[in-house]
Amino acid sequence: MVAVLAYNGGTTAMNDFLKMDIFFIVTTLVVIMLGIAFTLVLFRVWRILGHVEDISRDIRDESALLRNDVAQMRARIKTEGFKFAHIMSLFSSRVARFWGKKGK
């Protein structure tokens, strides 16, 4: 007698429930891992947006200072006339602010 080991296509009720349990366990684990990954991505995006807000605040402050420096330079040009020293003072004040912020 020859023993033939082959899948005959028939399943028992216990095998079906076992397959369903394995499917739902794997699906649950995948959903949990995707949820954790999505949460981590959202956390990183939130931190990046916070940094963007800080950068935009710095740009707003610096643009106000630059606007003030240009207004002072224009006022000096109106009263004293045009001098190259006025332009140099504008650039030197910008450089001084730039180098002063590097140390913070």
C-alpha atoms as a PDB file:
ATOM      1  CA  MET A   1       0.000   0.000   0.000  1.00  0.00           C
ATOM      2  CA  VAL A   2       1.264   3.433  -0.963  1.00  0.00           C
ATOM      3  CA  ALA A   3       0.540   6.337   1.334  1.00  0.00           C
ATOM      4  CA  VAL A   4      -0.212   9.494  -0.590  1.00  0.00           C
ATOM      5  CA  LEU A   5       0.121  12.750   1.268  1.00  0.00           C
ATOM      6  CA  ALA A   6      -1.770  15.421  -0.606  1.00  0.00           C
ATOM      7  CA  TYR A   7      -4.101  18.265   0.206  1.00  0.00           C
ATOM      8  CA  ASN A   8      -7.550  17.117  -0.669  1.00  0.00           C
ATOM      9  CA  GLY A   9      -9.307  20.491  -0.510  1.00  0.00           C
ATOM     10  CA  GLY A  10     -11.499  19.612   2.426  1.00  0.00           C
ATOM     11  CA  THR A  11     -11.284  21.572   5.657  1.00  0.00           C
ATOM     12  CA  THR A  12     -12.744  20.972   9.013  1.00  0.00           C
ATOM     13  CA  ALA A  13     -14.606  23.552  11.043  1.00  0.00           C
ATOM     14  CA  MET A  14     -11.722  23.880  13.488  1.00  0.00           C
ATOM     15  CA  ASN A  15      -9.289  24.742  10.702  1.00  0.00           C
ATOM     16  CA  ASP A  16     -11.595  27.507   9.426  1.00  0.00           C
ATOM     17  CA  PHE A  17     -11.816  29.090  12.882  1.00  0.00           C
ATOM     18  CA  LEU A  18      -8.066  28.793  13.312  1.00  0.00           C
ATOM     19  CA  LYS A  19      -7.520  30.543   9.974  1.00  0.00           C
ATOM     20  CA  MET A  20      -9.942  33.317  10.952  1.00  0.00           C
ATOM     21  CA  ASP A  21      -8.228  33.786  14.304  1.00  0.00           C
ATOM     22  CA  ILE A  22      -4.812  34.008  12.688  1.00  0.00           C
ATOM     23  CA  PHE A  23      -6.157  36.482  10.105  1.00  0.00           C
ATOM     24  CA  PHE A  24      -7.709  38.734  12.738  1.00  0.00           C
ATOM     25  CA  ILE A  25      -4.634  38.613  14.984  1.00  0.00           C
ATOM     26  CA  VAL A  26      -2.336  39.548  12.103  1.00  0.00           C
ATOM     27  CA  THR A  27      -4.730  42.265  10.916  1.00  0.00           C
ATOM     28  CA  THR A  28      -5.002  43.689  14.430  1.00  0.00           C
ATOM     29  CA  LEU A  29      -1.224  43.792  14.817  1.00  0.00           C
ATOM     30  CA  VAL A  30      -0.810  45.506  11.451  1.00  0.00           C
ATOM     31  CA  VAL A  31      -3.459  48.114  12.311  1.00  0.00           C
ATOM     32  CA  ILE A  32      -1.789  48.786  15.668  1.00  0.00           C
ATOM     33  CA  MET A  33       1.648  49.173  14.034  1.00  0.00           C
ATOM     34  CA  LEU A  34       0.241  51.500  11.366  1.00  0.00           C
ATOM     35  CA  GLY A  35      -1.477  53.555  14.073  1.00  0.00           C
ATOM     36  CA  ILE A  36       1.781  53.894  16.005  1.00  0.00           C
ATOM     37  CA  ALA A  37       3.672  54.852  12.845  1.00  0.00           C
ATOM     38  CA  PHE A  38       0.999  57.423  11.926  1.00  0.00           C
ATOM     39  CA  THR A  39       1.139  58.883  15.448  1.00  0.00           C
ATOM     40  CA  LEU A  40       4.920  59.215  15.260  1.00  0.00           C
ATOM     41  CA  VAL A  41       4.682  60.931  11.872  1.00  0.00           C
ATOM     42  CA  LEU A  42       2.060  63.362  13.201  1.00  0.00           C
ATOM     43  CA  PHE A  43       4.272  64.121  16.214  1.00  0.00           C
ATOM     44  CA  ARG A  44       7.229  64.908  13.935  1.00  0.00           C
ATOM     45  CA  VAL A  45       5.047  67.141  11.723  1.00  0.00           C
ATOM     46  CA  TRP A  46       3.818  68.965  14.827  1.00  0.00           C
ATOM     47  CA  ARG A  47       7.407  69.617  15.953  1.00  0.00           C
ATOM     48  CA  ILE A  48       8.402  70.792  12.466  1.00  0.00           C
ATOM     49  CA  LEU A  49       5.458  73.204  12.392  1.00  0.00           C
ATOM     50  CA  GLY A  50       6.591  74.563  15.756  1.00  0.00           C
ATOM     51  CA  HIS A  51      10.040  75.227  14.318  1.00  0.00           C
ATOM     52  CA  VAL A  52       8.498  76.900  11.260  1.00  0.00           C
ATOM     53  CA  GLU A  53       6.513  79.147  13.591  1.00  0.00           C
ATOM     54  CA  ASP A  54       9.720  80.119  15.439  1.00  0.00           C
ATOM     55  CA  ILE A  55      11.482  80.857  12.159  1.00  0.00           C
ATOM     56  CA  SER A  56       8.591  82.981  10.882  1.00  0.00           C
ATOM     57  CA  ARG A  57       8.577  84.924  14.172  1.00  0.00           C
ATOM     58  CA  ASP A  58      12.328  85.577  13.809  1.00  0.00           C
ATOM     59  CA  ILE A  59      11.842  86.718  10.207  1.00  0.00           C
ATOM     60  CA  ARG A  60       9.033  89.055  11.255  1.00  0.00           C
ATOM     61  CA  ASP A  61      11.187  90.568  14.018  1.00  0.00           C
ATOM     62  CA  GLU A  62      14.203  90.973  11.748  1.00  0.00           C
ATOM     63  CA  SER A  63      12.136  92.555   8.984  1.00  0.00           C
ATOM     64  CA  ALA A  64      10.783  95.093  11.486  1.00  0.00           C
ATOM     65  CA  LEU A  65      14.344  95.907  12.566  1.00  0.00           C
ATOM     66  CA  LEU A  66      15.470  96.229   8.941  1.00  0.00           C
ATOM     67  CA  ARG A  67      12.513  98.490   8.179  1.00  0.00           C
ATOM     68  CA  ASN A  68      13.495 100.660  11.162  1.00  0.00           C
ATOM     69  CA  ASP A  69      17.147 100.799  10.031  1.00  0.00           C
ATOM     70  CA  VAL A  70      16.142 101.825   6.505  1.00  0.00           C
ATOM     71  CA  ALA A  71      13.817 104.497   7.888  1.00  0.00           C
ATOM     72  CA  GLN A  72      16.650 105.879  10.029  1.00  0.00           C
ATOM     73  CA  MET A  73      19.001 105.853   7.039  1.00  0.00           C
ATOM     74  CA  ARG A  74      16.440 107.701   4.893  1.00  0.00           C
ATOM     75  CA  ALA A  75      15.937 110.287   7.630  1.00  0.00           C
ATOM     76  CA  ARG A  76      19.717 110.864   7.883  1.00  0.00           C
ATOM     77  CA  ILE A  77      19.994 111.145   4.095  1.00  0.00           C
ATOM     78  CA  LYS A  78      17.213 113.754   4.066  1.00  0.00           C
ATOM     79  CA  THR A  79      18.867 115.839   6.771  1.00  0.00           C
ATOM     80  CA  GLU A  80      22.578 115.357   5.971  1.00  0.00           C
ATOM     81  CA  GLY A  81      22.461 114.510   2.296  1.00  0.00           C
ATOM     82  CA  PHE A  82      23.639 111.311   0.672  1.00  0.00           C
ATOM     83  CA  LYS A  83      26.846 109.887   2.112  1.00  0.00           C
ATOM     84  CA  PHE A  84      28.393 106.516   1.555  1.00  0.00           C
ATOM     85  CA  ALA A  85      28.745 106.245   5.345  1.00  0.00           C
ATOM     86  CA  HIS A  86      24.953 105.980   5.665  1.00  0.00           C
ATOM     87  CA  ILE A  87      24.887 102.827   3.553  1.00  0.00           C
ATOM     88  CA  MET A  88      27.869 101.417   5.424  1.00  0.00           C
ATOM     89  CA  SER A  89      26.159 102.065   8.772  1.00  0.00           C
ATOM     90  CA  LEU A  90      23.087 100.176   7.539  1.00  0.00           C
ATOM     91  CA  PHE A  91      25.166  97.150   6.556  1.00  0.00           C
ATOM     92  CA  SER A  92      27.290  97.310   9.696  1.00  0.00           C
ATOM     93  CA  SER A  93      24.185  97.306  11.900  1.00  0.00           C
ATOM     94  CA  ARG A  94      22.863  94.258  10.008  1.00  0.00           C
ATOM     95  CA  VAL A  95      26.190  92.442  10.367  1.00  0.00           C
ATOM     96  CA  ALA A  96      26.399  93.325  14.067  1.00  0.00           C
ATOM     97  CA  ARG A  97      22.905  91.915  14.651  1.00  0.00           C
ATOM     98  CA  PHE A  98      23.724  88.815  12.653  1.00  0.00           C
ATOM     99  CA  TRP A  99      26.920  88.070  14.571  1.00  0.00           C
ATOM    100  CA  GLY A 100      25.238  88.930  17.876  1.00  0.00           C
ATOM    101  CA  LYS A 101      22.485  86.340  17.288  1.00  0.00           C
ATOM    102  CA  LYS A 102      24.950  83.563  16.468  1.00  0.00           C
ATOM    103  CA  GLY A 103      26.098  83.433  20.088  1.00  0.00           C
ATOM    104  CA  LYS A 104      22.572  82.899  21.490  1.00  0.00           C
END
